[in-house]
Protein backbone atom coordinates (compact mmCIF):
# COMPACT_ATOMS: atom_id res chain seq x y z
CA UNK A 1 23.76 -47.41 -181.48
CA UNK A 2 23.23 -45.85 -184.91
CA UNK A 3 20.27 -48.16 -185.62
CA UNK A 4 18.66 -47.38 -182.25
CA UNK A 5 19.16 -43.64 -182.70
CA UNK A 6 17.68 -43.79 -186.22
CA UNK A 7 14.67 -45.74 -184.97
CA UNK A 8 14.15 -43.23 -182.17
CA UNK A 9 14.35 -40.33 -184.62
CA UNK A 10 11.82 -41.98 -186.93
CA UNK A 11 9.48 -42.63 -184.01
CA UNK A 12 9.68 -38.99 -182.95
CA UNK A 13 9.02 -37.90 -186.54
CA UNK A 14 5.87 -40.04 -186.65
CA UNK A 15 4.69 -38.64 -183.30
CA UNK A 16 5.45 -35.11 -184.45
CA UNK A 17 3.69 -35.52 -187.79
CA UNK A 18 0.60 -37.09 -186.23
CA UNK A 19 0.41 -34.46 -183.51
CA UNK A 20 0.89 -31.63 -185.99
CA UNK A 21 -1.92 -32.97 -188.17
CA UNK A 22 -4.20 -33.14 -185.15
CA UNK A 23 -3.26 -29.72 -183.80
CA UNK A 24 -5.81 -27.60 -185.70
CA UNK A 25 -8.67 -29.76 -184.42
CA UNK A 26 -7.41 -29.66 -180.81
CA UNK A 27 -6.63 -25.93 -180.54
CA UNK A 28 -9.56 -23.77 -179.50
CA UNK A 29 -8.12 -20.25 -179.52
CA UNK A 30 -6.42 -20.18 -176.09
CA UNK A 31 -2.86 -18.90 -175.84
CA UNK A 32 -0.11 -21.33 -174.93
CA UNK A 33 0.55 -21.11 -171.18
CA UNK A 34 -2.94 -19.91 -170.21
CA UNK A 35 -4.40 -21.52 -167.05
CA UNK A 36 -6.08 -24.83 -167.84
CA UNK A 37 -4.03 -25.45 -170.99
CA UNK A 38 -3.10 -29.12 -171.53
CA UNK A 39 0.02 -30.03 -173.51
CA UNK A 40 0.71 -33.51 -174.91
CA UNK A 41 3.85 -34.50 -176.81
CA UNK A 42 7.36 -35.77 -176.36
CA UNK A 43 11.08 -35.22 -176.81
CA UNK A 44 14.07 -37.06 -178.21
CA UNK A 45 17.13 -36.66 -175.98
CA UNK A 46 20.80 -37.45 -176.40
CA UNK A 47 22.64 -37.89 -173.08
CA UNK A 48 26.22 -38.43 -171.99
CA UNK A 49 26.47 -40.04 -168.54
CA UNK A 50 29.37 -40.62 -166.18
CA UNK A 51 28.89 -42.89 -163.17
CA UNK A 52 31.03 -44.02 -160.27
CA UNK A 53 30.27 -47.25 -158.35
CA UNK A 54 31.87 -48.31 -155.07
CA UNK A 55 33.21 -51.68 -156.32
CA UNK A 56 33.04 -51.46 -160.11
CA UNK A 57 34.51 -47.99 -160.43
CA UNK A 58 33.85 -45.45 -163.15
CA UNK A 59 32.06 -46.00 -166.45
CA UNK A 60 30.73 -43.86 -169.28
CA UNK A 61 27.44 -44.26 -171.11
CA UNK A 62 25.66 -42.71 -174.10
CA UNK A 63 21.87 -42.62 -174.28
CA UNK A 64 19.20 -42.01 -176.91
CA UNK A 65 15.90 -41.52 -175.07
CA UNK A 66 12.30 -40.95 -176.16
CA UNK A 67 10.26 -39.16 -173.49
CA UNK A 68 6.47 -38.87 -173.95
CA UNK A 69 5.23 -36.03 -171.74
CA UNK A 70 2.00 -34.40 -170.58
CA UNK A 71 1.71 -30.99 -168.94
CA UNK A 72 -1.01 -28.86 -167.36
CA UNK A 73 -0.81 -25.10 -166.72
CA UNK A 74 -2.04 -24.22 -163.24
CA UNK A 75 -1.57 -20.49 -163.81
CA UNK A 76 0.08 -18.33 -166.50
CA UNK A 77 3.50 -19.87 -167.22
CA UNK A 78 3.40 -22.41 -164.37
CA UNK A 79 3.12 -26.00 -165.60
CA UNK A 80 3.02 -29.37 -163.83
CA UNK A 81 4.59 -32.20 -165.83
CA UNK A 82 4.45 -36.00 -166.02
CA UNK A 83 6.97 -37.91 -168.13
CA UNK A 84 7.92 -41.41 -169.24
CA UNK A 85 11.37 -42.30 -170.57
CA UNK A 86 12.16 -45.19 -172.88
CA UNK A 87 15.59 -45.60 -174.37
CA UNK A 88 18.75 -47.48 -175.14
CA UNK A 89 21.97 -47.11 -173.20
CA UNK A 90 25.36 -48.03 -174.64
CA UNK A 91 27.36 -49.03 -171.52
CA UNK A 92 31.15 -49.23 -171.52
CA UNK A 93 32.64 -50.44 -168.21
CA UNK A 94 36.22 -49.43 -167.54
CA UNK A 95 38.47 -51.83 -169.46
CA UNK A 96 35.49 -53.55 -171.10
CA UNK A 97 33.60 -53.44 -174.37
CA UNK A 98 30.40 -51.56 -175.20
CA UNK A 99 27.01 -53.31 -174.97
CA UNK A 100 23.39 -52.09 -175.24
CA UNK A 101 21.03 -51.86 -172.27
CA UNK A 102 17.33 -50.92 -172.00
CA UNK A 103 16.30 -47.85 -170.03
CA UNK A 104 12.82 -47.23 -168.53
CA UNK A 105 11.83 -44.39 -166.23
CA UNK A 106 9.14 -42.07 -164.89
CA UNK A 107 9.28 -38.46 -163.76
CA UNK A 108 7.02 -35.81 -162.22
CA UNK A 109 7.68 -32.14 -161.63
CA UNK A 110 7.03 -28.66 -162.88
CA UNK A 111 8.22 -25.80 -165.05
CA UNK A 112 8.02 -22.01 -165.07
CA UNK A 113 8.01 -20.14 -168.38
CA UNK A 114 8.31 -16.46 -169.29
CA UNK A 115 7.80 -14.91 -172.71
CA UNK A 116 10.86 -13.88 -174.70
CA UNK A 117 9.40 -12.58 -177.93
CA UNK A 118 7.58 -15.46 -179.61
CA UNK A 119 9.34 -18.07 -177.42
CA UNK A 120 8.54 -19.28 -173.90
CA UNK A 121 11.71 -19.93 -171.86
CA UNK A 122 12.23 -21.25 -168.37
CA UNK A 123 13.52 -23.92 -165.98
CA UNK A 124 12.00 -27.38 -165.54
CA UNK A 125 12.58 -29.58 -162.49
CA UNK A 126 11.67 -33.30 -162.38
CA UNK A 127 11.89 -35.99 -159.72
CA UNK A 128 12.70 -39.27 -161.45
CA UNK A 129 13.07 -43.00 -161.03
CA UNK A 130 14.99 -45.02 -163.63
CA UNK A 131 15.69 -48.69 -164.28
CA UNK A 132 18.44 -49.92 -166.60
CA UNK A 133 18.88 -53.59 -167.47
CA UNK A 134 20.96 -55.62 -169.88
CA UNK A 135 22.95 -58.79 -170.43
CA UNK A 136 26.56 -59.49 -171.36
CA UNK A 137 26.79 -62.83 -173.22
CA UNK A 138 29.25 -65.19 -171.50
CA UNK A 139 31.86 -62.52 -170.70
CA UNK A 140 34.24 -64.90 -168.87
CA UNK A 141 33.92 -68.01 -171.05
CA UNK A 142 32.09 -69.96 -168.34
CA UNK A 143 28.91 -70.56 -170.35
CA UNK A 144 26.91 -68.14 -168.17
CA UNK A 145 25.64 -64.71 -169.15
CA UNK A 146 26.19 -61.71 -166.89
CA UNK A 147 22.92 -59.90 -166.14
CA UNK A 148 23.17 -56.33 -164.84
CA UNK A 149 20.42 -54.08 -163.47
CA UNK A 150 20.79 -50.50 -162.26
CA UNK A 151 17.93 -48.61 -160.63
CA UNK A 152 17.31 -45.68 -158.36
CA UNK A 153 15.86 -42.21 -157.82
CA UNK A 154 17.20 -38.94 -159.10
CA UNK A 155 16.37 -35.51 -160.37
CA UNK A 156 16.63 -33.40 -163.49
CA UNK A 157 17.15 -29.67 -163.98
CA UNK A 158 16.56 -28.41 -167.50
CA UNK A 159 16.50 -25.11 -169.36
CA UNK A 160 13.63 -25.34 -171.85
CA UNK A 161 12.58 -23.17 -174.79
CA UNK A 162 9.15 -23.63 -176.38
CA UNK A 163 7.90 -21.94 -179.54
CA UNK A 164 4.13 -22.10 -180.06
CA UNK A 165 3.03 -22.52 -183.67
CA UNK A 166 -0.17 -21.58 -185.43
CA UNK A 167 -2.88 -24.18 -184.96
CA UNK A 168 -1.83 -25.42 -181.52
CA UNK A 169 1.59 -26.99 -182.08
CA UNK A 170 4.70 -26.37 -179.97
CA UNK A 171 8.36 -26.94 -180.86
CA UNK A 172 10.58 -27.72 -177.86
CA UNK A 173 14.36 -27.57 -177.40
CA UNK A 174 16.58 -27.54 -174.36
CA UNK A 175 19.50 -28.81 -172.31
CA UNK A 176 19.46 -30.72 -169.03
CA UNK A 177 21.50 -32.16 -166.18
CA UNK A 178 20.43 -35.32 -164.31
CA UNK A 179 21.74 -36.72 -161.04
CA UNK A 180 20.94 -40.32 -160.04
CA UNK A 181 21.61 -42.41 -156.93
CA UNK A 182 21.85 -45.98 -158.20
CA UNK A 183 21.96 -49.51 -156.84
CA UNK A 184 23.36 -52.24 -159.09
CA UNK A 185 22.92 -56.01 -159.11
CA UNK A 186 25.16 -58.25 -161.23
CA UNK A 187 24.26 -61.94 -161.59
CA UNK A 188 26.51 -64.59 -163.10
CA UNK A 189 25.16 -68.12 -162.84
CA UNK A 190 24.09 -68.52 -159.22
CA UNK A 191 26.32 -65.72 -157.93
CA UNK A 192 24.96 -62.22 -157.24
CA UNK A 193 27.02 -59.13 -156.46
CA UNK A 194 25.52 -55.82 -155.38
CA UNK A 195 27.02 -52.37 -155.77
CA UNK A 196 25.97 -48.75 -155.37
CA UNK A 197 27.00 -45.44 -156.84
CA UNK A 198 25.98 -42.17 -158.43
CA UNK A 199 25.60 -40.91 -161.98
CA UNK A 200 25.43 -37.52 -163.68
CA UNK A 201 24.14 -36.83 -167.20
CA UNK A 202 24.45 -33.84 -169.49
CA UNK A 203 22.23 -33.78 -172.56
CA UNK A 204 20.21 -31.91 -175.15
CA UNK A 205 16.72 -32.60 -176.45
CA UNK A 206 14.23 -31.58 -179.13
CA UNK A 207 10.53 -32.33 -179.40
CA UNK A 208 7.04 -31.48 -180.55
CA UNK A 209 3.69 -31.25 -178.75
CA UNK A 210 0.14 -29.97 -179.14
CA UNK A 211 -1.86 -27.89 -176.67
CA UNK A 212 -5.58 -27.41 -176.13
CA UNK A 213 -8.08 -26.19 -173.57
CA UNK A 214 -7.42 -23.27 -171.29
CA UNK A 215 -8.56 -19.69 -171.64
CA UNK A 216 -7.71 -16.20 -170.58
């Protein structure tokens, strides 16, 4: 998990540095949050998830997730958002050992921001779909790997703070809660077992973006 988290942090640093270098050329004098403003960037999130499946029972997971994001301000402070999520999930079934899984997802939604001094603060709501997949090497000594996939829709409610910088950059920080309704398939050799359940995540995130366009 440490290696994955370090790689994610380095990737975010590269994105942030590249975006910050490009910001002066992209910013054309509009204030952040003006109608027509486009924002492009991403966040690095750290999530703690607890899930409960009908047959498998409860399990805990820790996630490090990169989330590229694009937003468009329809009116002052009102933003529509599209997001991708790419990450690694350390899954620990009850009574089992920890293994790494790959997480992919998409989300769409909106946010509403108000000015609090030099910072824009407000709620963000996303509708999401996520897919988690991974493999446990020969867990029962039968010579067959156990392949597990979890997928399903959900939603996210976040409290987000954004601080616009000179030149068109934006620093982002916040906390979120996610709720997911998941279906799970486990395959071992020629045998498949299906399960269903729910999951809830609490997490924090930081990020960087640039904005351009718009006007008063």
